[in-house]
């Protein structure tokens, strides 16, 4: 089966995203299939969205993290293609048409992504210098950012998508690395553009607590990712400078009485220590 609007479902994980989710949905083609996994257990948001939009299914749950929530959406969708997007992205008018056009010509990918319209912040990485990118339609890449990933479910015969041990951060890098190891292709469509607001998925009233969450989980995920793919000794070697820096900066901000910055480095230290000792990514936002 090839990519088409009828054979595509958008998967959007929300968390305190009431202020931004409508802009995202309204940038999608009319009558798109949409599954929203609402991670802040907001029943009112489910009611609002299902009353306003057709062909939308909102699943409300306690916060299970990005990877687990995306997995739930992918497994619920009945189409061959699942488009995982963040609530703070907006599609250009012809984004989907360009992706469909590319997919009709090159359908051998496991993951396809539109390209960021901000050239300062590319949404992909090319690590392997041997990758050839002479084609005018797409880039062959090693990984794409998780805020816009079109997944070809036909290439996932084991139905294993995101590693649910990651609560936040690097679950997309892990997925891409696993698919590349299996010799699957990952493309970025040069003509299909997307706008990412960046860090706007949640309300600003929760900014401080979300910042603590980010720092804790970034450090946890970074160590877990390196341990999983490169082994414990290498993960430890890469993490020691950050561990030492976190301790030094904690004491610096303690001395100058900056409570916010001090807690940032406490969270970084604790996230890393928990991951180093094999603890699960247990920290949750206090909101």
C-alpha atoms as a PDB file:
ATOM      1  CA  UNK A   1       0.000   0.000   0.000  1.00  0.00           C
ATOM      2  CA  UNK A   2       1.221   3.496  -0.827  1.00  0.00           C
ATOM      3  CA  UNK A   3       0.916   6.683   1.167  1.00  0.00           C
ATOM      4  CA  UNK A   4      -2.337   8.618   0.801  1.00  0.00           C
ATOM      5  CA  UNK A   5      -4.424  10.801   3.101  1.00  0.00           C
ATOM      6  CA  UNK A   6      -6.848   7.907   3.644  1.00  0.00           C
ATOM      7  CA  UNK A   7      -3.967   5.554   4.500  1.00  0.00           C
ATOM      8  CA  UNK A   8      -2.379   7.949   6.993  1.00  0.00           C
ATOM      9  CA  UNK A   9      -3.075   8.706  10.661  1.00  0.00           C
ATOM     10  CA  UNK A  10      -1.591  11.625  12.593  1.00  0.00           C
ATOM     11  CA  UNK A  11      -0.451  10.731  16.113  1.00  0.00           C
ATOM     12  CA  UNK A  12      -0.152  13.690  18.513  1.00  0.00           C
ATOM     13  CA  UNK A  13       0.889  13.363  22.149  1.00  0.00           C
ATOM     14  CA  UNK A  14      -0.319  16.298  24.242  1.00  0.00           C
ATOM     15  CA  UNK A  15       0.559  17.463  27.753  1.00  0.00           C
ATOM     16  CA  UNK A  16      -0.846  20.791  28.943  1.00  0.00           C
ATOM     17  CA  UNK A  17      -1.149  21.665  25.225  1.00  0.00           C
ATOM     18  CA  UNK A  18      -4.596  23.300  25.187  1.00  0.00           C
ATOM     19  CA  UNK A  19      -3.144  26.621  24.040  1.00  0.00           C
ATOM     20  CA  UNK A  20      -1.453  25.261  20.900  1.00  0.00           C
ATOM     21  CA  UNK A  21      -3.135  22.045  19.755  1.00  0.00           C
ATOM     22  CA  UNK A  22      -5.844  23.743  17.674  1.00  0.00           C
ATOM     23  CA  UNK A  23      -3.270  25.543  15.491  1.00  0.00           C
ATOM     24  CA  UNK A  24      -1.569  22.232  14.822  1.00  0.00           C
ATOM     25  CA  UNK A  25      -4.779  20.380  13.920  1.00  0.00           C
ATOM     26  CA  UNK A  26      -6.044  23.202  11.713  1.00  0.00           C
ATOM     27  CA  UNK A  27      -2.807  23.141   9.682  1.00  0.00           C
ATOM     28  CA  UNK A  28      -3.470  19.504   8.725  1.00  0.00           C
ATOM     29  CA  UNK A  29      -5.487  18.567   5.631  1.00  0.00           C
ATOM     30  CA  UNK A  30      -9.229  18.583   6.191  1.00  0.00           C
ATOM     31  CA  UNK A  31     -10.733  15.253   7.322  1.00  0.00           C
ATOM     32  CA  UNK A  32      -7.357  13.834   8.352  1.00  0.00           C
ATOM     33  CA  UNK A  33      -7.355  10.759  10.585  1.00  0.00           C
ATOM     34  CA  UNK A  34      -6.076  11.944  13.972  1.00  0.00           C
ATOM     35  CA  UNK A  35      -5.335  10.130  17.219  1.00  0.00           C
ATOM     36  CA  UNK A  36      -4.404  12.261  20.212  1.00  0.00           C
ATOM     37  CA  UNK A  37      -2.910  10.706  23.319  1.00  0.00           C
ATOM     38  CA  UNK A  38      -3.627  13.229  26.075  1.00  0.00           C
ATOM     39  CA  UNK A  39      -0.948  12.665  28.734  1.00  0.00           C
ATOM     40  CA  UNK A  40      -2.201  15.159  31.329  1.00  0.00           C
ATOM     41  CA  UNK A  41      -5.499  13.329  31.864  1.00  0.00           C
ATOM     42  CA  UNK A  42      -7.598  16.287  30.657  1.00  0.00           C
ATOM     43  CA  UNK A  43     -11.114  14.997  30.003  1.00  0.00           C
ATOM     44  CA  UNK A  44     -12.328  18.484  29.050  1.00  0.00           C
ATOM     45  CA  UNK A  45      -9.791  18.654  26.205  1.00  0.00           C
ATOM     46  CA  UNK A  46     -11.047  15.333  24.868  1.00  0.00           C
ATOM     47  CA  UNK A  47     -14.614  16.633  24.861  1.00  0.00           C
ATOM     48  CA  UNK A  48     -13.646  19.903  23.121  1.00  0.00           C
ATOM     49  CA  UNK A  49     -11.578  18.261  20.397  1.00  0.00           C
ATOM     50  CA  UNK A  50     -13.996  15.454  19.597  1.00  0.00           C
ATOM     51  CA  UNK A  51     -16.883  17.925  19.362  1.00  0.00           C
ATOM     52  CA  UNK A  52     -14.968  20.323  17.107  1.00  0.00           C
ATOM     53  CA  UNK A  53     -13.176  17.975  14.688  1.00  0.00           C
ATOM     54  CA  UNK A  54     -14.298  14.962  12.691  1.00  0.00           C
ATOM     55  CA  UNK A  55     -12.239  11.767  12.387  1.00  0.00           C
ATOM     56  CA  UNK A  56     -10.420  12.447  15.651  1.00  0.00           C
ATOM     57  CA  UNK A  57      -9.995  10.055  18.571  1.00  0.00           C
ATOM     58  CA  UNK A  58      -8.677  11.417  21.873  1.00  0.00           C
ATOM     59  CA  UNK A  59      -7.328   8.924  24.402  1.00  0.00           C
ATOM     60  CA  UNK A  60      -6.965  10.421  27.883  1.00  0.00           C
ATOM     61  CA  UNK A  61      -4.465   8.860  30.274  1.00  0.00           C
ATOM     62  CA  UNK A  62      -1.933   9.511  33.018  1.00  0.00           C
ATOM     63  CA  UNK A  63       1.460  10.619  31.755  1.00  0.00           C
ATOM     64  CA  UNK A  64       3.266   7.606  30.253  1.00  0.00           C
ATOM     65  CA  UNK A  65       5.952   9.580  28.410  1.00  0.00           C
ATOM     66  CA  UNK A  66       6.466  10.356  24.730  1.00  0.00           C
ATOM     67  CA  UNK A  67       7.627   6.947  23.552  1.00  0.00           C
ATOM     68  CA  UNK A  68       4.911   4.907  25.255  1.00  0.00           C
ATOM     69  CA  UNK A  69       2.159   7.352  24.232  1.00  0.00           C
ATOM     70  CA  UNK A  70       3.327   7.382  20.608  1.00  0.00           C
ATOM     71  CA  UNK A  71       3.399   3.584  20.630  1.00  0.00           C
ATOM     72  CA  UNK A  72      -0.189   3.496  21.844  1.00  0.00           C
ATOM     73  CA  UNK A  73      -1.276   5.836  19.051  1.00  0.00           C
ATOM     74  CA  UNK A  74       0.618   3.886  16.366  1.00  0.00           C
ATOM     75  CA  UNK A  75      -0.902   0.589  17.487  1.00  0.00           C
ATOM     76  CA  UNK A  76      -4.406   2.076  17.632  1.00  0.00           C
ATOM     77  CA  UNK A  77      -4.256   3.453  14.093  1.00  0.00           C
ATOM     78  CA  UNK A  78      -5.621   1.226  11.335  1.00  0.00           C
ATOM     79  CA  UNK A  79      -3.649   2.794   8.488  1.00  0.00           C
ATOM     80  CA  UNK A  80      -0.317   1.657   7.019  1.00  0.00           C
ATOM     81  CA  UNK A  81       1.315   5.009   7.809  1.00  0.00           C
ATOM     82  CA  UNK A  82       1.497   6.799  11.159  1.00  0.00           C
ATOM     83  CA  UNK A  83       2.681  10.409  11.265  1.00  0.00           C
ATOM     84  CA  UNK A  84       4.049  11.170  14.729  1.00  0.00           C
ATOM     85  CA  UNK A  85       3.997  14.937  15.334  1.00  0.00           C
ATOM     86  CA  UNK A  86       4.286  17.306  18.288  1.00  0.00           C
ATOM     87  CA  UNK A  87       1.451  19.719  19.087  1.00  0.00           C
ATOM     88  CA  UNK A  88       3.735  22.719  18.455  1.00  0.00           C
ATOM     89  CA  UNK A  89       4.230  22.034  14.739  1.00  0.00           C
ATOM     90  CA  UNK A  90       2.372  23.580  11.815  1.00  0.00           C
ATOM     91  CA  UNK A  91       2.219  22.168   8.315  1.00  0.00           C
ATOM     92  CA  UNK A  92       2.610  24.218   5.167  1.00  0.00           C
ATOM     93  CA  UNK A  93      -0.302  24.046   2.748  1.00  0.00           C
ATOM     94  CA  UNK A  94       1.386  21.539   0.430  1.00  0.00           C
ATOM     95  CA  UNK A  95       3.413  19.525   2.978  1.00  0.00           C
ATOM     96  CA  UNK A  96       1.329  16.361   2.783  1.00  0.00           C
ATOM     97  CA  UNK A  97       0.968  16.511  -1.016  1.00  0.00           C
ATOM     98  CA  UNK A  98       4.758  16.733  -1.344  1.00  0.00           C
ATOM     99  CA  UNK A  99       5.250  13.770   0.998  1.00  0.00           C
ATOM    100  CA  UNK A 100       2.705  11.715  -0.938  1.00  0.00           C
ATOM    101  CA  UNK A 101       4.355  12.617  -4.250  1.00  0.00           C
ATOM    102  CA  UNK A 102       7.760  11.547  -2.943  1.00  0.00           C
ATOM    103  CA  UNK A 103       6.359   8.353  -1.462  1.00  0.00           C
ATOM    104  CA  UNK A 104       4.852   7.359  -4.815  1.00  0.00           C
ATOM    105  CA  UNK A 105       8.339   7.520  -6.362  1.00  0.00           C
ATOM    106  CA  UNK A 106      10.376   6.115  -3.447  1.00  0.00           C
ATOM    107  CA  UNK A 107       8.459   3.854  -1.097  1.00  0.00           C
ATOM    108  CA  UNK A 108      11.404   1.917   0.352  1.00  0.00           C
ATOM    109  CA  UNK A 109      11.776   3.954   3.551  1.00  0.00           C
ATOM    110  CA  UNK A 110      10.922   3.018   7.122  1.00  0.00           C
ATOM    111  CA  UNK A 111      10.816   6.669   8.242  1.00  0.00           C
ATOM    112  CA  UNK A 112      10.118   9.794   6.199  1.00  0.00           C
ATOM    113  CA  UNK A 113      10.156  13.380   7.479  1.00  0.00           C
ATOM    114  CA  UNK A 114       9.340  16.795   6.089  1.00  0.00           C
ATOM    115  CA  UNK A 115      12.135  19.351   6.300  1.00  0.00           C
ATOM    116  CA  UNK A 116      12.245  22.203   8.812  1.00  0.00           C
ATOM    117  CA  UNK A 117      11.533  25.605   7.273  1.00  0.00           C
ATOM    118  CA  UNK A 118      14.179  27.114   9.569  1.00  0.00           C
ATOM    119  CA  UNK A 119      17.549  26.349   7.990  1.00  0.00           C
ATOM    120  CA  UNK A 120      19.317  27.330  11.233  1.00  0.00           C
ATOM    121  CA  UNK A 121      17.760  24.331  12.963  1.00  0.00           C
ATOM    122  CA  UNK A 122      17.796  21.282  10.678  1.00  0.00           C
ATOM    123  CA  UNK A 123      15.569  18.438  11.853  1.00  0.00           C
ATOM    124  CA  UNK A 124      17.907  15.657  10.753  1.00  0.00           C
ATOM    125  CA  UNK A 125      21.427  14.323  11.261  1.00  0.00           C
ATOM    126  CA  UNK A 126      23.867  12.811   8.772  1.00  0.00           C
ATOM    127  CA  UNK A 127      26.591  11.013  10.714  1.00  0.00           C
ATOM    128  CA  UNK A 128      27.666   8.538   8.067  1.00  0.00           C
ATOM    129  CA  UNK A 129      29.794  10.510   5.605  1.00  0.00           C
ATOM    130  CA  UNK A 130      29.367   7.747   3.009  1.00  0.00           C
ATOM    131  CA  UNK A 131      25.679   8.537   2.503  1.00  0.00           C
ATOM    132  CA  UNK A 132      25.101   9.807  -1.031  1.00  0.00           C
ATOM    133  CA  UNK A 133      22.586  12.603  -1.458  1.00  0.00           C
ATOM    134  CA  UNK A 134      22.522  13.458  -5.131  1.00  0.00           C
ATOM    135  CA  UNK A 135      18.746  13.124  -5.477  1.00  0.00           C
ATOM    136  CA  UNK A 136      16.844  16.387  -5.910  1.00  0.00           C
ATOM    137  CA  UNK A 137      13.768  15.097  -4.048  1.00  0.00           C
ATOM    138  CA  UNK A 138      15.098  13.786  -0.773  1.00  0.00           C
ATOM    139  CA  UNK A 139      18.005  13.463   1.638  1.00  0.00           C
ATOM    140  CA  UNK A 140      19.044  10.061   2.962  1.00  0.00           C
ATOM    141  CA  UNK A 141      19.847  10.647   6.636  1.00  0.00           C
ATOM    142  CA  UNK A 142      20.818   8.812   9.813  1.00  0.00           C
ATOM    143  CA  UNK A 143      18.114  10.253  12.050  1.00  0.00           C
ATOM    144  CA  UNK A 144      15.281  12.771  12.172  1.00  0.00           C
ATOM    145  CA  UNK A 145      13.855  14.793  15.047  1.00  0.00           C
ATOM    146  CA  UNK A 146      10.886  13.308  16.846  1.00  0.00           C
ATOM    147  CA  UNK A 147       8.556  16.252  16.314  1.00  0.00           C
ATOM    148  CA  UNK A 148       7.728  15.068  12.774  1.00  0.00           C
ATOM    149  CA  UNK A 149       8.291  11.416  11.837  1.00  0.00           C
ATOM    150  CA  UNK A 150       6.199   9.594   9.253  1.00  0.00           C
ATOM    151  CA  UNK A 151       6.443   5.882  10.020  1.00  0.00           C
ATOM    152  CA  UNK A 152       5.923   3.237   7.350  1.00  0.00           C
ATOM    153  CA  UNK A 153       4.396   0.460   9.457  1.00  0.00           C
ATOM    154  CA  UNK A 154       5.034  -2.081   6.683  1.00  0.00           C
ATOM    155  CA  UNK A 155       8.741  -1.862   7.579  1.00  0.00           C
ATOM    156  CA  UNK A 156       8.090  -2.743  11.229  1.00  0.00           C
ATOM    157  CA  UNK A 157       7.196  -6.417  11.006  1.00  0.00           C
ATOM    158  CA  UNK A 158       7.975  -6.897  14.705  1.00  0.00           C
ATOM    159  CA  UNK A 159       5.633  -4.014  15.693  1.00  0.00           C
ATOM    160  CA  UNK A 160       8.407  -2.601  17.882  1.00  0.00           C
ATOM    161  CA  UNK A 161       8.520   1.177  17.605  1.00  0.00           C
ATOM    162  CA  UNK A 162       9.730   3.438  20.434  1.00  0.00           C
ATOM    163  CA  UNK A 163      11.665   2.076  23.413  1.00  0.00           C
ATOM    164  CA  UNK A 164       9.338   2.861  26.321  1.00  0.00           C
ATOM    165  CA  UNK A 165      12.213   3.041  28.800  1.00  0.00           C
ATOM    166  CA  UNK A 166      12.753   6.558  27.450  1.00  0.00           C
ATOM    167  CA  UNK A 167      10.218   8.852  29.119  1.00  0.00           C
ATOM    168  CA  UNK A 168      11.430  11.953  27.319  1.00  0.00           C
ATOM    169  CA  UNK A 169      14.266  12.652  24.855  1.00  0.00           C
ATOM    170  CA  UNK A 170      16.283  10.441  22.488  1.00  0.00           C
ATOM    171  CA  UNK A 171      13.523   7.910  21.859  1.00  0.00           C
ATOM    172  CA  UNK A 172      13.548   9.084  18.232  1.00  0.00           C
ATOM    173  CA  UNK A 173      17.343   8.768  17.949  1.00  0.00           C
ATOM    174  CA  UNK A 174      17.126   5.272  19.378  1.00  0.00           C
ATOM    175  CA  UNK A 175      14.423   4.266  16.893  1.00  0.00           C
ATOM    176  CA  UNK A 176      16.351   5.690  13.942  1.00  0.00           C
ATOM    177  CA  UNK A 177      19.594   4.002  14.983  1.00  0.00           C
ATOM    178  CA  UNK A 178      17.841   0.653  15.301  1.00  0.00           C
ATOM    179  CA  UNK A 179      16.284   0.979  11.839  1.00  0.00           C
ATOM    180  CA  UNK A 180      19.591   2.037  10.272  1.00  0.00           C
ATOM    181  CA  UNK A 181      21.266  -0.988  11.889  1.00  0.00           C
ATOM    182  CA  UNK A 182      18.631  -3.108  10.126  1.00  0.00           C
ATOM    183  CA  UNK A 183      19.590  -1.395   6.823  1.00  0.00           C
ATOM    184  CA  UNK A 184      16.281   0.464   6.645  1.00  0.00           C
ATOM    185  CA  UNK A 185      16.163   3.816   4.866  1.00  0.00           C
ATOM    186  CA  UNK A 186      15.320   7.160   6.473  1.00  0.00           C
ATOM    187  CA  UNK A 187      14.499  10.073   4.167  1.00  0.00           C
ATOM    188  CA  UNK A 188      13.860  13.785   4.532  1.00  0.00           C
ATOM    189  CA  UNK A 189      11.664  15.264   1.798  1.00  0.00           C
ATOM    190  CA  UNK A 190      13.312  18.439   0.493  1.00  0.00           C
ATOM    191  CA  UNK A 191      10.095  20.014  -0.821  1.00  0.00           C
ATOM    192  CA  UNK A 192       7.804  19.144   2.100  1.00  0.00           C
ATOM    193  CA  UNK A 193       8.225  21.829   4.761  1.00  0.00           C
ATOM    194  CA  UNK A 194       7.108  22.031   8.364  1.00  0.00           C
ATOM    195  CA  UNK A 195       7.272  24.788  10.963  1.00  0.00           C
ATOM    196  CA  UNK A 196       8.294  23.874  14.495  1.00  0.00           C
ATOM    197  CA  UNK A 197       7.640  26.441  17.206  1.00  0.00           C
ATOM    198  CA  UNK A 198      10.012  24.600  19.540  1.00  0.00           C
ATOM    199  CA  UNK A 199       9.353  24.126  23.248  1.00  0.00           C
ATOM    200  CA  UNK A 200       5.789  25.458  22.970  1.00  0.00           C
ATOM    201  CA  UNK A 201       3.922  22.175  23.478  1.00  0.00           C
ATOM    202  CA  UNK A 202       2.980  23.115  27.042  1.00  0.00           C
ATOM    203  CA  UNK A 203       1.589  26.223  28.708  1.00  0.00           C
ATOM    204  CA  UNK A 204       4.122  28.801  29.914  1.00  0.00           C
ATOM    205  CA  UNK A 205       2.590  28.755  33.415  1.00  0.00           C
ATOM    206  CA  UNK A 206       4.321  25.392  33.917  1.00  0.00           C
ATOM    207  CA  UNK A 207       7.651  26.478  32.439  1.00  0.00           C
ATOM    208  CA  UNK A 208       9.794  26.114  35.561  1.00  0.00           C
ATOM    209  CA  UNK A 209       8.616  22.617  36.416  1.00  0.00           C
ATOM    210  CA  UNK A 210       8.897  21.537  32.781  1.00  0.00           C
ATOM    211  CA  UNK A 211      12.473  22.855  32.753  1.00  0.00           C
ATOM    212  CA  UNK A 212      13.317  20.689  35.764  1.00  0.00           C
ATOM    213  CA  UNK A 213      11.697  17.729  34.001  1.00  0.00           C
ATOM    214  CA  UNK A 214      13.704  18.351  30.833  1.00  0.00           C
ATOM    215  CA  UNK A 215      17.024  18.476  32.637  1.00  0.00           C
ATOM    216  CA  UNK A 216      16.373  15.346  34.690  1.00  0.00           C
ATOM    217  CA  UNK A 217      15.250  13.300  31.687  1.00  0.00           C
ATOM    218  CA  UNK A 218      17.831  14.640  29.253  1.00  0.00           C
ATOM    219  CA  UNK A 219      20.602  13.343  31.483  1.00  0.00           C
ATOM    220  CA  UNK A 220      18.813  10.060  32.214  1.00  0.00           C
ATOM    221  CA  UNK A 221      18.095   9.413  28.543  1.00  0.00           C
ATOM    222  CA  UNK A 222      21.572  10.372  27.361  1.00  0.00           C
ATOM    223  CA  UNK A 223      23.271   7.849  29.661  1.00  0.00           C
ATOM    224  CA  UNK A 224      20.704   5.123  28.895  1.00  0.00           C
ATOM    225  CA  UNK A 225      21.066   5.682  25.134  1.00  0.00           C
ATOM    226  CA  UNK A 226      24.873   5.424  25.260  1.00  0.00           C
ATOM    227  CA  UNK A 227      24.743   2.390  27.557  1.00  0.00           C
ATOM    228  CA  UNK A 228      22.223   0.628  25.324  1.00  0.00           C
ATOM    229  CA  UNK A 229      24.121   1.156  22.075  1.00  0.00           C
ATOM    230  CA  UNK A 230      27.778   1.454  23.106  1.00  0.00           C
ATOM    231  CA  UNK A 231      28.082  -0.254  26.489  1.00  0.00           C
ATOM    232  CA  UNK A 232      28.299   0.869  30.110  1.00  0.00           C
ATOM    233  CA  UNK A 233      32.021   1.817  30.185  1.00  0.00           C
ATOM    234  CA  UNK A 234      31.674   4.176  27.204  1.00  0.00           C
ATOM    235  CA  UNK A 235      28.480   5.684  28.611  1.00  0.00           C
ATOM    236  CA  UNK A 236      30.240   6.276  31.925  1.00  0.00           C
ATOM    237  CA  UNK A 237      33.280   7.842  30.259  1.00  0.00           C
ATOM    238  CA  UNK A 238      31.084  10.226  28.264  1.00  0.00           C
ATOM    239  CA  UNK A 239      29.057  11.207  31.328  1.00  0.00           C
ATOM    240  CA  UNK A 240      31.765  11.888  33.904  1.00  0.00           C
ATOM    241  CA  UNK A 241      32.536  15.465  32.709  1.00  0.00           C
ATOM    242  CA  UNK A 242      28.831  16.344  32.897  1.00  0.00           C
ATOM    243  CA  UNK A 243      28.550  14.791  36.351  1.00  0.00           C
ATOM    244  CA  UNK A 244      31.480  16.843  37.641  1.00  0.00           C
ATOM    245  CA  UNK A 245      30.196  20.034  35.975  1.00  0.00           C
ATOM    246  CA  UNK A 246      26.746  19.564  37.558  1.00  0.00           C
ATOM    247  CA  UNK A 247      28.264  19.305  41.045  1.00  0.00           C
ATOM    248  CA  UNK A 248      30.456  22.387  40.546  1.00  0.00           C
ATOM    249  CA  UNK A 249      27.599  24.482  39.143  1.00  0.00           C
ATOM    250  CA  UNK A 250      25.251  23.378  41.917  1.00  0.00           C
ATOM    251  CA  UNK A 251      27.652  24.747  44.543  1.00  0.00           C
ATOM    252  CA  UNK A 252      28.250  27.911  42.505  1.00  0.00           C
ATOM    253  CA  UNK A 253      24.543  28.716  42.290  1.00  0.00           C
ATOM    254  CA  UNK A 254      24.119  27.753  45.948  1.00  0.00           C
ATOM    255  CA  UNK A 255      26.698  30.333  46.911  1.00  0.00           C
ATOM    256  CA  UNK A 256      25.105  33.115  44.852  1.00  0.00           C
ATOM    257  CA  UNK A 257      21.590  32.142  46.062  1.00  0.00           C
ATOM    258  CA  UNK A 258      20.110  31.369  42.648  1.00  0.00           C
ATOM    259  CA  UNK A 259      17.482  28.766  43.614  1.00  0.00           C
ATOM    260  CA  UNK A 260      16.216  28.113  40.089  1.00  0.00           C
ATOM    261  CA  UNK A 261      19.644  27.437  38.557  1.00  0.00           C
ATOM    262  CA  UNK A 262      20.673  25.454  41.618  1.00  0.00           C
ATOM    263  CA  UNK A 263      17.706  23.129  41.160  1.00  0.00           C
ATOM    264  CA  UNK A 264      18.445  22.766  37.437  1.00  0.00           C
ATOM    265  CA  UNK A 265      21.830  21.251  38.270  1.00  0.00           C
ATOM    266  CA  UNK A 266      20.392  19.118  41.052  1.00  0.00           C
ATOM    267  CA  UNK A 267      17.989  17.669  38.473  1.00  0.00           C
ATOM    268  CA  UNK A 268      20.774  17.067  35.964  1.00  0.00           C
ATOM    269  CA  UNK A 269      22.855  15.329  38.615  1.00  0.00           C
ATOM    270  CA  UNK A 270      19.941  13.185  39.835  1.00  0.00           C
ATOM    271  CA  UNK A 271      18.842  12.197  36.331  1.00  0.00           C
ATOM    272  CA  UNK A 272      22.337  11.035  35.488  1.00  0.00           C
ATOM    273  CA  UNK A 273      22.897   9.211  38.803  1.00  0.00           C
ATOM    274  CA  UNK A 274      19.569   7.369  38.488  1.00  0.00           C
ATOM    275  CA  UNK A 275      20.456   6.230  34.978  1.00  0.00           C
ATOM    276  CA  UNK A 276      23.981   5.211  36.001  1.00  0.00           C
ATOM    277  CA  UNK A 277      22.553   2.999  38.757  1.00  0.00           C
ATOM    278  CA  UNK A 278      20.002   1.400  36.436  1.00  0.00           C
ATOM    279  CA  UNK A 279      16.950   3.109  37.899  1.00  0.00           C
ATOM    280  CA  UNK A 280      13.911   3.653  35.686  1.00  0.00           C
ATOM    281  CA  UNK A 281      13.093   7.121  34.328  1.00  0.00           C
ATOM    282  CA  UNK A 282      10.692   7.708  37.210  1.00  0.00           C
ATOM    283  CA  UNK A 283      10.658  11.501  37.624  1.00  0.00           C
ATOM    284  CA  UNK A 284       7.340  13.191  36.736  1.00  0.00           C
ATOM    285  CA  UNK A 285       6.421  16.896  36.577  1.00  0.00           C
ATOM    286  CA  UNK A 286       4.910  18.269  39.783  1.00  0.00           C
ATOM    287  CA  UNK A 287       1.907  19.951  38.125  1.00  0.00           C
END
